[in-house]
């Protein structure tokens, strides 16, 4: 017998209570019963995103919400600033170009965060930019951005601040309204602890005005349709068929988050990430993030003499733990140990133990048990 675990930055493990909810009979999505659940879910999403603004639910992956953000704010020929710190940040550029945008790109070396002063320079030089697209957290590198500082730069600028919070929201401190974020996009299969298939997008009043005037062609991702449905009658609705079972699962997951409180969820992720990161260092390995290390995963440089692809495959196939390898130009060069979502104190122990055993088998010069020992010490120090 071999147990299977997910220790990747998404999809993440799903709590048993949430899995059970997905097995219940499907209810019709155009009924008061379902719309009551939808009302509760939207309130819960606002709590996690920390916003009083409308939040729309889209049946898609997080990339769908990213496309919706671009399609509703960018006209062909518009100038936009993309501040990317990795593979998923580059997706903003790809989507913006698909909609005919003129992209000004800020792209620090992978492993580093966006420098606010560089963004300020770009905004000063491009007063006609309509939006800044960036990320809260970049899973390909294991680095997060200081959105609070970025929000202060766009607050009094024409440009909207659009943040990919797909992996970070629900895991690390994030205050959409307080930090002057105009659009936040999120996905269901990460911090929200449900299967893939839903995306969420919050929209500020500043963004609403831009969306209203936008001329880019769109149909399914037209946020004006979502707004019209959201204020229909006395309970919110959706313009297209809802993923009913996923929404009911989300209702259960949000109850779990509220019971723990979002602040304690953030703190739990911080502690688990610290345990993994310090365990990695204790083994003599090198974390890839040079600054602002993520709390949703630890990106680790593959040691000399070890094939990174083989390492991730061995951990998955021999030990039953799905971690993640490097993406893009980091393929085979790093591996990523996730601490995101439905996680507790023993996940770092399991993940580090499997990493040690696999590395030893592949000939790495490490001392077995050293990482596990340090992870346990951190958890005891944190009283977790």
Protein backbone atom coordinates (compact mmCIF):
# COMPACT_ATOMS: atom_id res chain seq x y z
CA UNK A 1 0.00 0.00 0.00
CA UNK A 2 1.19 3.51 -0.81
CA UNK A 3 -0.52 6.71 0.28
CA UNK A 4 -0.59 9.59 -2.17
CA UNK A 5 -0.01 13.21 -1.20
CA UNK A 6 -0.04 16.48 -3.11
CA UNK A 7 2.71 18.88 -2.09
CA UNK A 8 2.61 21.01 -5.21
CA UNK A 9 1.52 24.66 -5.44
CA UNK A 10 -1.78 23.55 -6.97
CA UNK A 11 -3.97 21.68 -7.32
CA UNK A 12 -3.79 21.14 -3.57
CA UNK A 13 -5.24 18.57 -1.19
CA UNK A 14 -9.00 18.82 -0.60
CA UNK A 15 -10.38 18.43 2.97
CA UNK A 16 -12.66 15.39 3.52
CA UNK A 17 -15.64 17.62 4.37
CA UNK A 18 -15.25 19.33 1.00
CA UNK A 19 -14.88 16.05 -0.88
CA UNK A 20 -18.09 14.75 0.69
CA UNK A 21 -19.97 17.87 -0.38
CA UNK A 22 -19.00 17.18 -3.98
CA UNK A 23 -20.72 13.79 -3.84
CA UNK A 24 -24.13 15.23 -2.96
CA UNK A 25 -26.89 15.37 -5.60
CA UNK A 26 -26.66 18.32 -7.96
CA UNK A 27 -29.24 21.05 -7.44
CA UNK A 28 -30.51 23.35 -10.17
CA UNK A 29 -28.58 26.58 -10.50
CA UNK A 30 -31.62 28.79 -11.21
CA UNK A 31 -33.31 28.19 -7.86
CA UNK A 32 -33.55 30.21 -4.64
CA UNK A 33 -31.85 27.31 -2.82
CA UNK A 34 -28.75 27.55 -4.99
CA UNK A 35 -28.70 31.34 -5.05
CA UNK A 36 -28.72 31.36 -1.25
CA UNK A 37 -25.56 29.23 -1.32
CA UNK A 38 -24.10 31.57 -3.95
CA UNK A 39 -24.79 34.55 -1.68
CA UNK A 40 -22.92 32.89 1.19
CA UNK A 41 -20.03 31.98 -1.10
CA UNK A 42 -19.63 35.51 -2.44
CA UNK A 43 -19.61 36.88 1.11
CA UNK A 44 -16.93 34.31 1.99
CA UNK A 45 -14.84 35.23 -1.04
CA UNK A 46 -14.98 38.90 -0.03
CA UNK A 47 -13.73 37.90 3.41
CA UNK A 48 -10.72 36.01 2.05
CA UNK A 49 -9.88 38.62 -0.61
CA UNK A 50 -10.49 41.35 1.99
CA UNK A 51 -12.73 43.46 -0.20
CA UNK A 52 -16.10 45.15 -0.10
CA UNK A 53 -16.13 45.25 -3.91
CA UNK A 54 -18.17 42.87 -6.07
CA UNK A 55 -16.69 39.41 -6.64
CA UNK A 56 -17.73 37.43 -9.71
CA UNK A 57 -17.46 33.66 -10.09
CA UNK A 58 -16.34 32.34 -13.47
CA UNK A 59 -16.35 28.69 -14.52
CA UNK A 60 -12.75 28.45 -15.70
CA UNK A 61 -9.22 28.07 -14.43
CA UNK A 62 -7.47 31.07 -12.94
CA UNK A 63 -6.17 31.91 -16.40
CA UNK A 64 -9.75 32.54 -17.47
CA UNK A 65 -10.07 35.25 -14.83
CA UNK A 66 -6.74 36.69 -16.00
CA UNK A 67 -8.10 36.88 -19.54
CA UNK A 68 -11.34 38.42 -18.27
CA UNK A 69 -9.30 41.09 -16.48
CA UNK A 70 -7.48 41.99 -19.69
CA UNK A 71 -10.48 41.66 -22.04
CA UNK A 72 -12.54 44.06 -19.94
CA UNK A 73 -9.92 46.76 -19.34
CA UNK A 74 -7.69 46.86 -22.44
CA UNK A 75 -8.60 48.16 -25.89
CA UNK A 76 -6.38 47.41 -28.90
CA UNK A 77 -3.45 49.81 -28.89
CA UNK A 78 -3.72 50.64 -25.18
CA UNK A 79 -0.49 50.88 -23.26
CA UNK A 80 -0.14 48.55 -20.26
CA UNK A 81 2.67 47.78 -17.83
CA UNK A 82 3.39 44.14 -17.01
CA UNK A 83 5.52 43.66 -13.90
CA UNK A 84 6.49 40.00 -14.09
CA UNK A 85 8.62 37.93 -11.72
CA UNK A 86 8.32 34.56 -13.42
CA UNK A 87 6.57 32.20 -15.78
CA UNK A 88 3.03 33.04 -14.67
CA UNK A 89 3.72 36.77 -14.62
CA UNK A 90 4.76 36.43 -18.26
CA UNK A 91 1.25 35.11 -18.93
CA UNK A 92 -0.07 38.63 -18.36
CA UNK A 93 2.12 39.78 -21.24
CA UNK A 94 0.90 36.98 -23.51
CA UNK A 95 -2.77 37.71 -22.80
CA UNK A 96 -2.34 41.48 -23.12
CA UNK A 97 -0.65 41.09 -26.51
CA UNK A 98 -3.45 38.77 -27.66
CA UNK A 99 -5.84 41.69 -27.03
CA UNK A 100 -3.68 44.11 -28.97
CA UNK A 101 -2.06 45.93 -26.06
CA UNK A 102 1.21 47.82 -26.27
CA UNK A 103 3.15 46.14 -23.43
CA UNK A 104 5.80 47.88 -21.32
CA UNK A 105 7.48 45.10 -19.38
CA UNK A 106 9.34 45.16 -16.08
CA UNK A 107 11.04 41.84 -15.52
CA UNK A 108 13.62 41.43 -12.74
CA UNK A 109 15.86 38.40 -12.75
CA UNK A 110 13.94 35.29 -11.67
CA UNK A 111 14.29 34.83 -7.94
CA UNK A 112 13.72 38.52 -7.22
CA UNK A 113 10.60 40.66 -6.67
CA UNK A 114 9.44 43.77 -8.51
CA UNK A 115 11.28 46.88 -7.30
CA UNK A 116 8.71 49.63 -6.55
CA UNK A 117 11.14 52.28 -7.79
CA UNK A 118 11.33 50.57 -11.19
CA UNK A 119 7.57 50.50 -11.44
CA UNK A 120 7.36 54.15 -10.40
CA UNK A 121 9.79 55.03 -13.19
CA UNK A 122 7.66 53.11 -15.70
CA UNK A 123 4.49 54.86 -14.51
CA UNK A 124 6.14 58.30 -14.64
CA UNK A 125 7.38 57.62 -18.18
CA UNK A 126 4.01 56.23 -19.29
CA UNK A 127 1.25 58.43 -17.84
CA UNK A 128 -1.12 57.05 -20.47
CA UNK A 129 -0.78 53.42 -19.28
CA UNK A 130 -4.24 52.01 -18.55
CA UNK A 131 -3.22 49.17 -16.27
CA UNK A 132 -0.43 47.52 -14.31
CA UNK A 133 -0.61 43.73 -14.36
CA UNK A 134 1.40 41.86 -11.73
CA UNK A 135 1.31 38.99 -9.23
CA UNK A 136 0.93 38.61 -5.51
CA UNK A 137 2.89 35.36 -5.60
CA UNK A 138 4.85 33.66 -8.38
CA UNK A 139 4.83 29.89 -8.02
CA UNK A 140 7.41 29.24 -10.74
CA UNK A 141 10.11 30.98 -8.68
CA UNK A 142 8.75 30.96 -5.12
CA UNK A 143 8.81 34.75 -4.73
CA UNK A 144 6.08 37.22 -3.74
CA UNK A 145 5.62 40.92 -4.53
CA UNK A 146 4.97 43.76 -2.09
CA UNK A 147 1.51 44.65 -3.39
CA UNK A 148 0.96 47.22 -0.65
CA UNK A 149 3.85 49.34 -1.96
CA UNK A 150 2.82 48.80 -5.57
CA UNK A 151 -0.73 49.90 -4.73
CA UNK A 152 0.53 53.20 -3.35
CA UNK A 153 2.09 53.91 -6.76
CA UNK A 154 -1.07 53.25 -8.77
CA UNK A 155 -3.49 54.80 -6.25
CA UNK A 156 -3.41 58.25 -7.84
CA UNK A 157 -2.46 57.13 -11.35
CA UNK A 158 -4.77 56.55 -14.27
CA UNK A 159 -3.62 52.92 -14.44
CA UNK A 160 -5.61 50.17 -12.77
CA UNK A 161 -3.73 47.77 -10.52
CA UNK A 162 -4.57 44.21 -11.55
CA UNK A 163 -3.16 41.44 -9.36
CA UNK A 164 -2.87 37.73 -10.06
CA UNK A 165 -3.65 36.37 -6.60
CA UNK A 166 -4.26 32.85 -7.87
CA UNK A 167 -1.74 31.13 -5.61
CA UNK A 168 -1.26 33.76 -2.92
CA UNK A 169 -4.76 34.79 -1.85
CA UNK A 170 -5.92 32.57 1.00
CA UNK A 171 -2.35 31.80 2.05
CA UNK A 172 -0.55 35.06 2.77
CA UNK A 173 -1.62 38.49 4.01
CA UNK A 174 -3.59 40.30 1.33
CA UNK A 175 -5.84 43.34 1.67
CA UNK A 176 -7.34 44.08 -1.73
CA UNK A 177 -9.13 47.30 -0.77
CA UNK A 178 -6.63 48.61 1.78
CA UNK A 179 -3.78 48.10 -0.69
CA UNK A 180 -5.61 49.91 -3.52
CA UNK A 181 -5.96 46.89 -5.78
CA UNK A 182 -8.53 47.43 -8.54
CA UNK A 183 -8.87 43.88 -9.81
CA UNK A 184 -7.89 40.68 -8.02
CA UNK A 185 -8.05 37.33 -9.82
CA UNK A 186 -8.00 34.03 -7.93
CA UNK A 187 -8.36 30.31 -8.68
CA UNK A 188 -10.22 27.60 -6.77
CA UNK A 189 -7.61 24.85 -6.57
CA UNK A 190 -5.02 26.49 -4.36
CA UNK A 191 -5.68 28.34 -1.10
CA UNK A 192 -9.42 27.72 -1.40
CA UNK A 193 -8.87 23.95 -1.12
CA UNK A 194 -11.37 22.74 -3.74
CA UNK A 195 -10.82 21.05 -7.12
CA UNK A 196 -9.89 23.09 -10.22
CA UNK A 197 -12.66 24.67 -12.25
CA UNK A 198 -13.62 28.01 -10.69
CA UNK A 199 -12.06 31.45 -10.89
CA UNK A 200 -12.95 34.59 -8.95
CA UNK A 201 -12.48 38.23 -9.84
CA UNK A 202 -13.06 41.30 -7.68
CA UNK A 203 -13.63 44.70 -9.27
CA UNK A 204 -13.20 48.18 -7.74
CA UNK A 205 -15.26 51.27 -8.59
CA UNK A 206 -12.29 52.66 -10.50
CA UNK A 207 -12.14 49.45 -12.54
CA UNK A 208 -15.91 49.42 -13.12
CA UNK A 209 -15.71 52.74 -14.98
CA UNK A 210 -12.97 51.37 -17.24
CA UNK A 211 -14.93 48.16 -17.84
CA UNK A 212 -18.04 50.12 -18.76
CA UNK A 213 -16.15 52.06 -21.44
CA UNK A 214 -14.14 49.11 -22.79
CA UNK A 215 -14.66 48.19 -26.46
CA UNK A 216 -12.67 44.95 -26.78
CA UNK A 217 -14.73 42.08 -28.21
CA UNK A 218 -15.75 39.46 -25.68
CA UNK A 219 -18.73 37.29 -24.82
CA UNK A 220 -18.29 34.68 -22.08
CA UNK A 221 -15.79 36.84 -20.20
CA UNK A 222 -17.83 40.06 -20.44
CA UNK A 223 -17.86 41.27 -16.84
CA UNK A 224 -20.82 43.56 -17.52
CA UNK A 225 -22.88 40.38 -17.86
CA UNK A 226 -21.59 39.13 -14.50
CA UNK A 227 -22.41 42.44 -12.84
CA UNK A 228 -25.93 42.42 -14.28
CA UNK A 229 -26.53 38.92 -12.92
CA UNK A 230 -24.94 39.75 -9.56
CA UNK A 231 -27.52 42.47 -8.83
CA UNK A 232 -30.47 40.57 -10.30
CA UNK A 233 -33.52 40.65 -7.99
CA UNK A 234 -32.50 40.24 -4.33
CA UNK A 235 -29.92 37.42 -4.61
CA UNK A 236 -26.88 37.07 -6.88
CA UNK A 237 -27.01 34.91 -9.96
CA UNK A 238 -24.60 33.98 -12.74
CA UNK A 239 -24.94 34.84 -16.44
CA UNK A 240 -24.07 31.31 -17.53
CA UNK A 241 -24.42 27.83 -16.03
CA UNK A 242 -22.76 27.56 -12.64
CA UNK A 243 -20.44 24.71 -11.68
CA UNK A 244 -22.95 23.82 -8.97
CA UNK A 245 -21.02 21.09 -7.17
CA UNK A 246 -17.82 23.15 -7.09
CA UNK A 247 -19.70 26.11 -5.64
CA UNK A 248 -21.27 23.98 -2.91
CA UNK A 249 -17.81 22.55 -2.16
CA UNK A 250 -16.49 26.10 -1.99
CA UNK A 251 -19.18 26.99 0.54
CA UNK A 252 -17.86 24.24 2.83
CA UNK A 253 -14.22 25.22 2.28
CA UNK A 254 -14.99 28.85 3.11
CA UNK A 255 -16.67 27.78 6.34
CA UNK A 256 -13.47 25.96 7.31
CA UNK A 257 -11.42 29.08 6.54
CA UNK A 258 -13.75 31.30 8.56
CA UNK A 259 -13.65 28.89 11.51
CA UNK A 260 -9.85 29.02 11.52
CA UNK A 261 -9.92 32.77 10.64
CA UNK A 262 -7.99 34.16 7.70
CA UNK A 263 -5.30 35.60 10.00
CA UNK A 264 -4.57 32.15 11.44
CA UNK A 265 -4.57 30.67 7.94
CA UNK A 266 -1.90 33.20 6.96
CA UNK A 267 0.10 32.41 10.09
CA UNK A 268 -0.12 28.64 9.50
CA UNK A 269 1.30 29.05 6.01
CA UNK A 270 4.11 31.24 7.30
CA UNK A 271 5.14 28.65 9.89
CA UNK A 272 5.00 25.67 7.52
CA UNK A 273 6.96 27.54 4.85
CA UNK A 274 9.60 28.51 7.41
CA UNK A 275 9.91 24.87 8.51
CA UNK A 276 10.50 23.69 4.94
CA UNK A 277 12.87 26.50 4.04
CA UNK A 278 15.05 26.03 7.12
CA UNK A 279 15.03 22.25 6.63
CA UNK A 280 16.27 22.73 3.08
CA UNK A 281 19.08 25.00 4.28
CA UNK A 282 20.00 22.53 7.05
CA UNK A 283 20.48 19.87 4.36
CA UNK A 284 23.00 22.12 2.62
CA UNK A 285 20.61 22.87 -0.25
CA UNK A 286 19.97 26.36 -1.65
CA UNK A 287 16.52 27.98 -1.77
CA UNK A 288 16.01 29.60 -5.18
CA UNK A 289 14.18 32.74 -3.96
CA UNK A 290 16.71 35.50 -3.39
CA UNK A 291 14.18 37.74 -1.62
CA UNK A 292 10.53 37.68 -0.51
CA UNK A 293 10.37 33.86 -0.23
CA UNK A 294 6.84 32.55 -0.78
CA UNK A 295 4.77 30.92 1.94
CA UNK A 296 2.93 28.64 -0.48
CA UNK A 297 6.03 26.72 -1.52
CA UNK A 298 9.79 26.54 -1.19
CA UNK A 299 11.70 26.57 -4.48
CA UNK A 300 14.98 24.65 -4.16
CA UNK A 301 18.02 24.54 -6.43
CA UNK A 302 18.71 20.96 -7.54
CA UNK A 303 22.13 19.92 -6.15
CA UNK A 304 25.03 19.19 -8.49
CA UNK A 305 25.04 15.70 -9.92
CA UNK A 306 21.28 15.19 -9.55
CA UNK A 307 18.81 15.29 -12.44
CA UNK A 308 15.95 17.56 -11.34
CA UNK A 309 13.37 15.83 -13.52
CA UNK A 310 14.37 12.42 -12.20
CA UNK A 311 14.21 13.73 -8.63
CA UNK A 312 10.63 14.98 -8.92
CA UNK A 313 9.59 11.76 -10.72
CA UNK A 314 11.16 9.59 -8.00
CA UNK A 315 9.47 11.52 -5.19
CA UNK A 316 6.14 11.10 -7.01
CA UNK A 317 6.40 7.52 -8.25
CA UNK A 318 8.40 5.91 -5.43
CA UNK A 319 7.17 7.92 -2.46
CA UNK A 320 3.70 8.93 -3.61
CA UNK A 321 4.21 12.68 -3.17
CA UNK A 322 3.47 15.04 -6.04
CA UNK A 323 5.84 17.98 -5.87
CA UNK A 324 6.64 20.31 -8.75
CA UNK A 325 9.68 20.76 -10.93
CA UNK A 326 10.96 23.94 -12.51
CA UNK A 327 9.12 25.71 -15.31
CA UNK A 328 10.37 27.50 -18.40
CA UNK A 329 14.07 28.30 -18.11
CA UNK A 330 14.15 26.65 -14.66
CA UNK A 331 13.04 23.25 -15.94
CA UNK A 332 15.23 20.58 -14.35
CA UNK A 333 17.09 23.20 -12.31
CA UNK A 334 14.79 23.56 -9.30
CA UNK A 335 12.11 21.59 -7.51
CA UNK A 336 9.27 23.05 -5.47
CA UNK A 337 7.88 21.77 -2.17
CA UNK A 338 4.34 23.03 -1.60
CA UNK A 339 2.85 24.10 1.73
CA UNK A 340 -0.39 25.47 0.31
CA UNK A 341 -4.02 24.97 1.29
CA UNK A 342 -5.11 21.97 3.34
CA UNK A 343 -1.83 21.55 5.21
CA UNK A 344 -0.75 21.03 8.81
CA UNK A 345 2.40 20.52 10.89
CA UNK A 346 3.22 17.06 9.57
CA UNK A 347 3.25 18.01 5.87
CA UNK A 348 6.73 19.56 6.06
CA UNK A 349 8.00 16.46 7.88
CA UNK A 350 6.62 14.13 5.22
CA UNK A 351 7.83 16.28 2.33
CA UNK A 352 11.34 16.80 3.67
CA UNK A 353 11.71 13.10 4.61
CA UNK A 354 10.79 12.04 1.07
CA UNK A 355 13.15 14.66 -0.38
CA UNK A 356 16.03 13.43 1.77
CA UNK A 357 15.47 9.78 0.86
CA UNK A 358 15.14 10.48 -2.86
CA UNK A 359 18.21 12.72 -2.94
CA UNK A 360 20.26 10.11 -1.07
CA UNK A 361 19.21 7.43 -3.53
CA UNK A 362 20.23 9.69 -6.42
CA UNK A 363 23.71 10.20 -4.95
CA UNK A 364 23.40 13.63 -3.37
CA UNK A 365 25.83 14.37 -0.56
CA UNK A 366 23.39 15.06 2.25
CA UNK A 367 23.05 13.87 5.83
CA UNK A 368 19.82 11.91 6.23
CA UNK A 369 17.58 13.26 8.99
CA UNK A 370 19.18 16.67 9.23
CA UNK A 371 16.37 18.43 7.36
CA UNK A 372 13.60 16.61 9.20
CA UNK A 373 15.25 17.49 12.51
CA UNK A 374 15.37 21.17 11.64
CA UNK A 375 11.75 21.19 10.43
CA UNK A 376 10.63 19.69 13.75
CA UNK A 377 12.70 22.20 15.69
CA UNK A 378 11.03 25.08 13.83
CA UNK A 379 7.57 23.71 14.54
CA UNK A 380 8.42 23.39 18.25
CA UNK A 381 9.90 26.91 18.29
CA UNK A 382 6.73 28.26 16.71
CA UNK A 383 4.62 26.28 19.20
CA UNK A 384 2.66 24.82 16.31
